[in-house]
Amino acid sequence: MSRIIMIKRKHLVVAAAALLLALSGLLYGNRDHIIPALAQTPAERTIHMVVGEYKSTTIEGKTIEAYRWDPGTVVVRKGERIKLSIFGVNGDSHPFLIEGLNISGEVKKGKETVVSFIADQEGTYRLICMTHADSAHGGPMIGYIVVD
């Protein structure tokens, strides 16, 4: 009798594992239909960035610094409406342009700058701070917007 119960229990465990495997394939196999709990309306997606600074001292005692966009790379889908919200944490002023998107603006310390665009062409677009364009000026401060 205990052998029959053990066999039935084994079959039940195998059936439950197969069911879990099938459900996980349905849920995670095609992720296009999954909507995150905090998803925004498909009309526009907001991406938040900050201006950050790295500062150090060389062995010779010289102070060096570099400014960065954070995150440094943003990936968006072709056709998406994007609202890029950039908050100035370090540095007084960061006039910028986004090559290929005909967008420019300025991020100031303690303030938020918002620009919007539709990602209608695939490619990689550089977000360039004109103040920190090269290493002689605390850069290059370049971020990337990848439209896929």
N, C-alpha and C. Protein backbone atom coordinates (compact mmCIF):
# COMPACT_ATOMS: atom_id res chain seq x y z
N MET A 1 0.81 -1.19 0.00
CA MET A 1 0.00 0.00 0.00
C MET A 1 0.86 1.26 0.00
N SER A 2 1.92 1.31 0.84
CA SER A 2 2.77 2.49 0.88
C SER A 2 3.52 2.69 -0.43
N ARG A 3 3.81 1.58 -1.14
CA ARG A 3 4.46 1.68 -2.44
C ARG A 3 3.54 2.36 -3.45
N ILE A 4 2.26 2.08 -3.44
CA ILE A 4 1.29 2.71 -4.34
C ILE A 4 1.17 4.20 -4.04
N ILE A 5 1.13 4.55 -2.77
CA ILE A 5 1.06 5.97 -2.38
C ILE A 5 2.32 6.69 -2.84
N MET A 6 3.48 6.05 -2.70
CA MET A 6 4.73 6.66 -3.11
C MET A 6 4.76 6.87 -4.62
N ILE A 7 4.26 5.92 -5.39
CA ILE A 7 4.21 6.05 -6.85
C ILE A 7 3.27 7.18 -7.24
N LYS A 8 2.08 7.25 -6.59
CA LYS A 8 1.13 8.32 -6.89
C LYS A 8 1.73 9.67 -6.55
N ARG A 9 2.42 9.76 -5.42
CA ARG A 9 3.05 11.01 -5.00
C ARG A 9 4.12 11.41 -6.01
N LYS A 10 4.90 10.45 -6.50
CA LYS A 10 5.94 10.72 -7.49
C LYS A 10 5.32 11.26 -8.78
N HIS A 11 4.22 10.64 -9.24
CA HIS A 11 3.52 11.11 -10.43
C HIS A 11 2.98 12.53 -10.23
N LEU A 12 2.49 12.81 -9.04
CA LEU A 12 1.95 14.13 -8.72
C LEU A 12 3.07 15.18 -8.77
N VAL A 13 4.23 14.85 -8.23
CA VAL A 13 5.37 15.78 -8.26
C VAL A 13 5.83 16.02 -9.70
N VAL A 14 5.89 14.98 -10.50
CA VAL A 14 6.29 15.12 -11.91
C VAL A 14 5.26 15.97 -12.66
N ALA A 15 3.99 15.73 -12.42
CA ALA A 15 2.94 16.50 -13.09
C ALA A 15 2.99 17.96 -12.68
N ALA A 16 3.23 18.22 -11.40
CA ALA A 16 3.32 19.60 -10.91
C ALA A 16 4.53 20.30 -11.53
N ALA A 17 5.66 19.62 -11.63
CA ALA A 17 6.86 20.21 -12.24
C ALA A 17 6.61 20.53 -13.71
N ALA A 18 5.94 19.62 -14.42
CA ALA A 18 5.64 19.85 -15.84
C ALA A 18 4.71 21.05 -15.99
N LEU A 19 3.73 21.16 -15.12
CA LEU A 19 2.80 22.29 -15.16
C LEU A 19 3.54 23.60 -14.90
N LEU A 20 4.40 23.63 -13.90
CA LEU A 20 5.19 24.84 -13.62
C LEU A 20 6.08 25.21 -14.79
N LEU A 21 6.69 24.23 -15.41
CA LEU A 21 7.55 24.48 -16.57
C LEU A 21 6.73 25.06 -17.72
N ALA A 22 5.56 24.52 -17.98
CA ALA A 22 4.71 25.02 -19.05
C ALA A 22 4.26 26.45 -18.76
N LEU A 23 3.86 26.71 -17.52
CA LEU A 23 3.43 28.07 -17.16
C LEU A 23 4.58 29.08 -17.26
N SER A 24 5.77 28.67 -16.84
CA SER A 24 6.90 29.60 -16.93
C SER A 24 7.22 29.91 -18.39
N GLY A 25 7.04 28.95 -19.27
CA GLY A 25 7.24 29.21 -20.70
C GLY A 25 6.23 30.20 -21.24
N LEU A 26 4.99 30.07 -20.79
CA LEU A 26 3.95 31.01 -21.22
C LEU A 26 4.22 32.41 -20.69
N LEU A 27 4.61 32.50 -19.43
CA LEU A 27 4.81 33.81 -18.81
C LEU A 27 6.10 34.49 -19.25
N TYR A 28 7.17 33.74 -19.40
CA TYR A 28 8.47 34.35 -19.63
C TYR A 28 9.05 34.10 -21.01
N GLY A 29 8.41 33.26 -21.80
CA GLY A 29 8.92 32.97 -23.13
C GLY A 29 8.82 34.17 -24.06
N ASN A 30 7.69 34.85 -24.04
CA ASN A 30 7.48 36.03 -24.87
C ASN A 30 7.16 37.18 -23.94
N ARG A 31 8.13 38.03 -23.65
CA ARG A 31 7.99 39.08 -22.65
C ARG A 31 7.32 40.33 -23.19
N ASP A 32 6.98 40.37 -24.49
CA ASP A 32 6.37 41.58 -25.06
C ASP A 32 5.02 41.89 -24.43
N HIS A 33 4.32 40.89 -23.94
CA HIS A 33 2.99 41.13 -23.38
C HIS A 33 3.03 41.46 -21.89
N ILE A 34 4.18 41.37 -21.25
CA ILE A 34 4.28 41.64 -19.82
C ILE A 34 4.41 43.14 -19.61
N ILE A 35 3.59 43.68 -18.72
CA ILE A 35 3.61 45.10 -18.42
C ILE A 35 4.11 45.26 -16.99
N PRO A 36 5.22 45.99 -16.77
CA PRO A 36 5.72 46.19 -15.41
C PRO A 36 4.67 46.87 -14.55
N ALA A 37 4.72 46.62 -13.25
CA ALA A 37 3.73 47.17 -12.33
C ALA A 37 3.73 48.70 -12.35
N LEU A 38 4.87 49.32 -12.56
CA LEU A 38 4.95 50.78 -12.56
C LEU A 38 5.05 51.33 -13.98
N ALA A 39 4.51 50.61 -14.94
CA ALA A 39 4.62 51.04 -16.34
C ALA A 39 3.89 52.34 -16.57
N GLN A 40 4.44 53.15 -17.46
CA GLN A 40 3.80 54.40 -17.84
C GLN A 40 2.94 54.15 -19.06
N THR A 41 2.13 55.10 -19.38
CA THR A 41 1.30 54.94 -20.57
C THR A 41 2.21 54.84 -21.79
N PRO A 42 1.77 54.10 -22.80
CA PRO A 42 2.60 53.96 -23.98
C PRO A 42 2.80 55.27 -24.74
N ALA A 43 2.04 56.30 -24.38
CA ALA A 43 2.16 57.58 -25.08
C ALA A 43 3.53 58.20 -24.91
N GLU A 44 4.13 58.05 -23.73
CA GLU A 44 5.44 58.68 -23.49
C GLU A 44 6.14 57.96 -22.33
N ARG A 45 7.44 57.77 -22.47
CA ARG A 45 8.24 57.16 -21.41
C ARG A 45 9.23 58.18 -20.91
N THR A 46 9.29 58.36 -19.59
CA THR A 46 10.24 59.29 -18.99
C THR A 46 11.50 58.55 -18.59
N ILE A 47 12.64 59.09 -18.98
CA ILE A 47 13.94 58.54 -18.60
C ILE A 47 14.64 59.61 -17.77
N HIS A 48 15.06 59.23 -16.56
CA HIS A 48 15.71 60.17 -15.66
C HIS A 48 17.23 60.00 -15.72
N MET A 49 17.93 61.12 -15.82
CA MET A 49 19.39 61.14 -15.84
C MET A 49 19.85 62.19 -14.84
N VAL A 50 21.12 62.11 -14.45
CA VAL A 50 21.74 63.14 -13.62
C VAL A 50 23.10 63.48 -14.19
N VAL A 51 23.60 64.65 -13.81
CA VAL A 51 24.97 65.04 -14.14
C VAL A 51 25.81 64.74 -12.91
N GLY A 52 26.84 63.93 -13.09
CA GLY A 52 27.71 63.56 -11.98
C GLY A 52 29.15 63.97 -12.25
N GLU A 53 29.95 63.94 -11.19
CA GLU A 53 31.35 64.34 -11.30
C GLU A 53 32.21 63.33 -10.55
N TYR A 54 33.33 63.00 -11.17
CA TYR A 54 34.36 62.20 -10.51
C TYR A 54 35.54 63.12 -10.28
N LYS A 55 36.05 63.10 -9.06
CA LYS A 55 37.16 63.99 -8.72
C LYS A 55 38.22 63.18 -7.99
N SER A 56 39.48 63.45 -8.31
CA SER A 56 40.59 62.74 -7.69
C SER A 56 41.83 63.62 -7.69
N THR A 57 42.87 63.13 -7.06
CA THR A 57 44.14 63.84 -7.01
C THR A 57 45.24 62.90 -7.51
N THR A 58 46.09 63.41 -8.41
CA THR A 58 47.18 62.59 -8.93
C THR A 58 48.28 62.46 -7.88
N ILE A 59 49.24 61.60 -8.14
CA ILE A 59 50.38 61.42 -7.24
C ILE A 59 51.13 62.73 -7.04
N GLU A 60 51.13 63.56 -8.09
CA GLU A 60 51.82 64.85 -8.03
C GLU A 60 51.02 65.90 -7.26
N GLY A 61 49.80 65.56 -6.85
CA GLY A 61 48.98 66.51 -6.10
C GLY A 61 48.04 67.34 -6.95
N LYS A 62 47.97 67.07 -8.24
CA LYS A 62 47.08 67.82 -9.13
C LYS A 62 45.66 67.25 -9.04
N THR A 63 44.68 68.15 -8.92
CA THR A 63 43.28 67.73 -8.89
C THR A 63 42.81 67.50 -10.31
N ILE A 64 42.18 66.34 -10.52
CA ILE A 64 41.60 66.03 -11.82
C ILE A 64 40.12 65.72 -11.61
N GLU A 65 39.32 66.01 -12.64
CA GLU A 65 37.90 65.74 -12.54
C GLU A 65 37.34 65.38 -13.91
N ALA A 66 36.24 64.67 -13.86
CA ALA A 66 35.54 64.30 -15.09
C ALA A 66 34.04 64.34 -14.81
N TYR A 67 33.30 64.93 -15.73
CA TYR A 67 31.85 64.99 -15.61
C TYR A 67 31.24 63.92 -16.50
N ARG A 68 30.10 63.36 -16.05
CA ARG A 68 29.46 62.27 -16.77
C ARG A 68 27.95 62.41 -16.73
N TRP A 69 27.29 61.88 -17.76
CA TRP A 69 25.84 61.69 -17.73
C TRP A 69 25.61 60.34 -17.07
N ASP A 70 24.60 60.24 -16.22
CA ASP A 70 24.31 58.97 -15.57
C ASP A 70 22.82 58.70 -15.65
N PRO A 71 22.39 57.63 -16.31
CA PRO A 71 23.23 56.61 -16.93
C PRO A 71 23.88 57.13 -18.21
N GLY A 72 24.98 56.52 -18.56
CA GLY A 72 25.75 56.95 -19.72
C GLY A 72 25.18 56.48 -21.05
N THR A 73 24.38 55.42 -21.01
CA THR A 73 23.74 54.90 -22.21
C THR A 73 22.29 54.59 -21.91
N VAL A 74 21.41 55.02 -22.79
CA VAL A 74 19.97 54.78 -22.67
C VAL A 74 19.51 54.09 -23.94
N VAL A 75 18.76 53.01 -23.79
CA VAL A 75 18.25 52.27 -24.94
C VAL A 75 16.74 52.48 -25.02
N VAL A 76 16.26 52.89 -26.20
CA VAL A 76 14.84 53.10 -26.42
C VAL A 76 14.42 52.34 -27.68
N ARG A 77 13.13 52.10 -27.80
CA ARG A 77 12.62 51.41 -28.99
C ARG A 77 12.27 52.41 -30.07
N LYS A 78 12.47 52.00 -31.30
CA LYS A 78 12.10 52.83 -32.44
C LYS A 78 10.60 53.13 -32.35
N GLY A 79 10.26 54.39 -32.54
CA GLY A 79 8.87 54.83 -32.49
C GLY A 79 8.40 55.30 -31.12
N GLU A 80 9.21 55.10 -30.08
CA GLU A 80 8.83 55.52 -28.73
C GLU A 80 8.86 57.04 -28.58
N ARG A 81 7.91 57.54 -27.79
CA ARG A 81 7.91 58.95 -27.39
C ARG A 81 8.68 59.02 -26.08
N ILE A 82 9.75 59.81 -26.08
CA ILE A 82 10.65 59.85 -24.93
C ILE A 82 10.65 61.24 -24.31
N LYS A 83 10.60 61.27 -22.98
CA LYS A 83 10.80 62.50 -22.22
C LYS A 83 12.06 62.28 -21.41
N LEU A 84 13.12 63.02 -21.74
CA LEU A 84 14.41 62.90 -21.07
C LEU A 84 14.48 63.98 -19.99
N SER A 85 14.53 63.55 -18.75
CA SER A 85 14.56 64.46 -17.60
C SER A 85 15.95 64.39 -16.99
N ILE A 86 16.70 65.50 -17.07
CA ILE A 86 18.09 65.52 -16.61
C ILE A 86 18.21 66.48 -15.44
N PHE A 87 18.73 65.99 -14.31
CA PHE A 87 18.88 66.81 -13.11
C PHE A 87 20.36 67.15 -12.91
N GLY A 88 20.64 68.42 -12.66
CA GLY A 88 22.01 68.88 -12.45
C GLY A 88 22.45 68.71 -11.01
N VAL A 89 23.40 67.81 -10.77
CA VAL A 89 23.92 67.59 -9.42
C VAL A 89 25.28 68.26 -9.26
N ASN A 90 26.16 68.06 -10.22
CA ASN A 90 27.51 68.63 -10.15
C ASN A 90 27.73 69.58 -11.32
N GLY A 91 28.57 70.59 -11.10
CA GLY A 91 28.88 71.55 -12.14
C GLY A 91 27.77 72.58 -12.26
N ASP A 92 28.15 73.82 -12.56
CA ASP A 92 27.17 74.91 -12.62
C ASP A 92 26.29 74.86 -13.85
N SER A 93 26.89 74.58 -15.03
CA SER A 93 26.14 74.65 -16.28
C SER A 93 26.68 73.63 -17.28
N HIS A 94 25.76 72.96 -17.93
CA HIS A 94 26.11 71.96 -18.94
C HIS A 94 25.24 72.17 -20.18
N PRO A 95 25.65 73.11 -21.06
CA PRO A 95 24.91 73.23 -22.32
C PRO A 95 25.17 71.97 -23.15
N PHE A 96 24.12 71.43 -23.74
CA PHE A 96 24.28 70.15 -24.45
C PHE A 96 23.55 70.17 -25.78
N LEU A 97 23.91 69.18 -26.60
CA LEU A 97 23.17 68.91 -27.82
C LEU A 97 23.11 67.40 -28.00
N ILE A 98 22.05 66.97 -28.66
CA ILE A 98 21.92 65.56 -29.01
C ILE A 98 22.06 65.50 -30.52
N GLU A 99 23.23 65.01 -30.95
CA GLU A 99 23.53 64.94 -32.39
C GLU A 99 22.50 64.09 -33.11
N GLY A 100 22.06 64.59 -34.25
CA GLY A 100 21.14 63.84 -35.10
C GLY A 100 19.68 63.98 -34.73
N LEU A 101 19.38 64.52 -33.54
CA LEU A 101 17.99 64.69 -33.13
C LEU A 101 17.58 66.15 -33.12
N ASN A 102 18.53 67.04 -33.40
CA ASN A 102 18.24 68.47 -33.46
C ASN A 102 17.69 68.99 -32.13
N ILE A 103 18.28 68.49 -31.02
CA ILE A 103 17.84 68.89 -29.69
C ILE A 103 19.04 69.50 -28.97
N SER A 104 18.78 70.62 -28.30
CA SER A 104 19.80 71.23 -27.47
C SER A 104 19.14 71.78 -26.21
N GLY A 105 19.95 72.08 -25.22
CA GLY A 105 19.43 72.61 -23.96
C GLY A 105 20.56 72.89 -23.01
N GLU A 106 20.23 73.13 -21.77
CA GLU A 106 21.24 73.40 -20.76
C GLU A 106 20.76 72.84 -19.43
N VAL A 107 21.66 72.11 -18.75
CA VAL A 107 21.38 71.58 -17.42
C VAL A 107 22.14 72.45 -16.43
N LYS A 108 21.42 72.96 -15.42
CA LYS A 108 22.04 73.79 -14.39
C LYS A 108 21.95 73.07 -13.05
N LYS A 109 22.95 73.34 -12.20
CA LYS A 109 23.03 72.71 -10.89
C LYS A 109 21.75 72.97 -10.08
N GLY A 110 21.18 71.88 -9.54
CA GLY A 110 19.99 71.98 -8.72
C GLY A 110 18.70 72.13 -9.49
N LYS A 111 18.75 72.05 -10.81
CA LYS A 111 17.56 72.22 -11.64
C LYS A 111 17.37 71.01 -12.55
N GLU A 112 16.12 70.84 -12.98
CA GLU A 112 15.78 69.77 -13.90
C GLU A 112 15.55 70.37 -15.29
N THR A 113 16.14 69.72 -16.30
CA THR A 113 15.91 70.11 -17.69
C THR A 113 15.20 68.94 -18.37
N VAL A 114 14.13 69.24 -19.10
CA VAL A 114 13.35 68.19 -19.76
C VAL A 114 13.30 68.47 -21.25
N VAL A 115 13.62 67.46 -22.04
CA VAL A 115 13.48 67.52 -23.50
C VAL A 115 12.70 66.29 -23.94
N SER A 116 11.90 66.45 -24.98
CA SER A 116 11.09 65.34 -25.50
C SER A 116 11.39 65.12 -26.97
N PHE A 117 11.26 63.86 -27.39
CA PHE A 117 11.46 63.53 -28.80
C PHE A 117 10.80 62.20 -29.10
N ILE A 118 10.63 61.94 -30.37
CA ILE A 118 10.16 60.64 -30.83
C ILE A 118 11.35 59.93 -31.46
N ALA A 119 11.64 58.74 -30.99
CA ALA A 119 12.78 57.96 -31.49
C ALA A 119 12.38 57.28 -32.79
N ASP A 120 12.36 58.05 -33.88
CA ASP A 120 11.83 57.49 -35.13
C ASP A 120 12.88 56.90 -36.06
N GLN A 121 14.16 57.08 -35.77
CA GLN A 121 15.22 56.51 -36.61
C GLN A 121 16.17 55.67 -35.76
N GLU A 122 16.41 54.43 -36.18
CA GLU A 122 17.37 53.58 -35.46
C GLU A 122 18.76 54.20 -35.55
N GLY A 123 19.54 53.97 -34.52
CA GLY A 123 20.91 54.46 -34.52
C GLY A 123 21.36 54.83 -33.12
N THR A 124 22.60 55.30 -33.02
CA THR A 124 23.17 55.75 -31.76
C THR A 124 23.41 57.24 -31.84
N TYR A 125 22.83 57.97 -30.91
CA TYR A 125 22.90 59.43 -30.90
C TYR A 125 23.71 59.87 -29.68
N ARG A 126 24.65 60.78 -29.90
CA ARG A 126 25.50 61.25 -28.81
C ARG A 126 24.87 62.45 -28.10
N LEU A 127 24.85 62.39 -26.78
CA LEU A 127 24.43 63.49 -25.93
C LEU A 127 25.72 64.15 -25.44
N ILE A 128 26.03 65.34 -25.96
CA ILE A 128 27.34 65.95 -25.75
C ILE A 128 27.21 67.23 -24.93
N CYS A 129 27.98 67.32 -23.85
CA CYS A 129 28.07 68.57 -23.09
C CYS A 129 29.12 69.43 -23.77
N MET A 130 28.73 70.64 -24.16
CA MET A 130 29.64 71.53 -24.89
C MET A 130 30.71 72.13 -23.98
N THR A 131 30.46 72.22 -22.67
CA THR A 131 31.45 72.74 -21.73
C THR A 131 32.56 71.71 -21.49
N HIS A 132 32.20 70.45 -21.47
CA HIS A 132 33.15 69.38 -21.14
C HIS A 132 33.33 68.45 -22.34
N ALA A 133 33.71 69.02 -23.46
CA ALA A 133 33.79 68.26 -24.71
C ALA A 133 35.05 67.40 -24.83
N ASP A 134 36.09 67.70 -24.03
CA ASP A 134 37.33 66.93 -24.13
C ASP A 134 38.00 66.82 -22.76
N SER A 135 39.10 66.05 -22.69
CA SER A 135 39.76 65.80 -21.41
C SER A 135 40.37 67.06 -20.79
N ALA A 136 40.70 68.05 -21.60
CA ALA A 136 41.24 69.30 -21.07
C ALA A 136 40.17 70.08 -20.29
N HIS A 137 38.91 69.74 -20.49
CA HIS A 137 37.82 70.46 -19.84
C HIS A 137 36.93 69.53 -18.99
N GLY A 138 37.54 68.50 -18.41
CA GLY A 138 36.77 67.60 -17.52
C GLY A 138 35.87 66.63 -18.26
N GLY A 139 36.20 66.32 -19.47
CA GLY A 139 35.36 65.41 -20.27
C GLY A 139 36.20 64.32 -20.89
N PRO A 140 35.75 63.74 -21.95
CA PRO A 140 34.54 64.12 -22.66
C PRO A 140 33.29 63.66 -21.89
N MET A 141 32.34 64.57 -21.82
CA MET A 141 31.06 64.28 -21.19
C MET A 141 30.08 63.95 -22.29
N ILE A 142 30.04 62.67 -22.62
CA ILE A 142 29.21 62.19 -23.72
C ILE A 142 28.38 61.01 -23.24
N GLY A 143 27.10 61.07 -23.51
CA GLY A 143 26.19 59.97 -23.24
C GLY A 143 25.68 59.45 -24.57
N TYR A 144 25.01 58.31 -24.54
CA TYR A 144 24.54 57.70 -25.78
C TYR A 144 23.07 57.32 -25.65
N ILE A 145 22.30 57.67 -26.67
CA ILE A 145 20.91 57.26 -26.78
C ILE A 145 20.87 56.28 -27.95
N VAL A 146 20.55 55.04 -27.64
CA VAL A 146 20.52 53.99 -28.66
C VAL A 146 19.06 53.70 -29.00
N VAL A 147 18.70 53.92 -30.26
CA VAL A 147 17.35 53.64 -30.74
C VAL A 147 17.41 52.31 -31.48
N ASP A 148 16.69 51.34 -30.98
CA ASP A 148 16.75 49.97 -31.50
C ASP A 148 15.41 49.54 -32.04
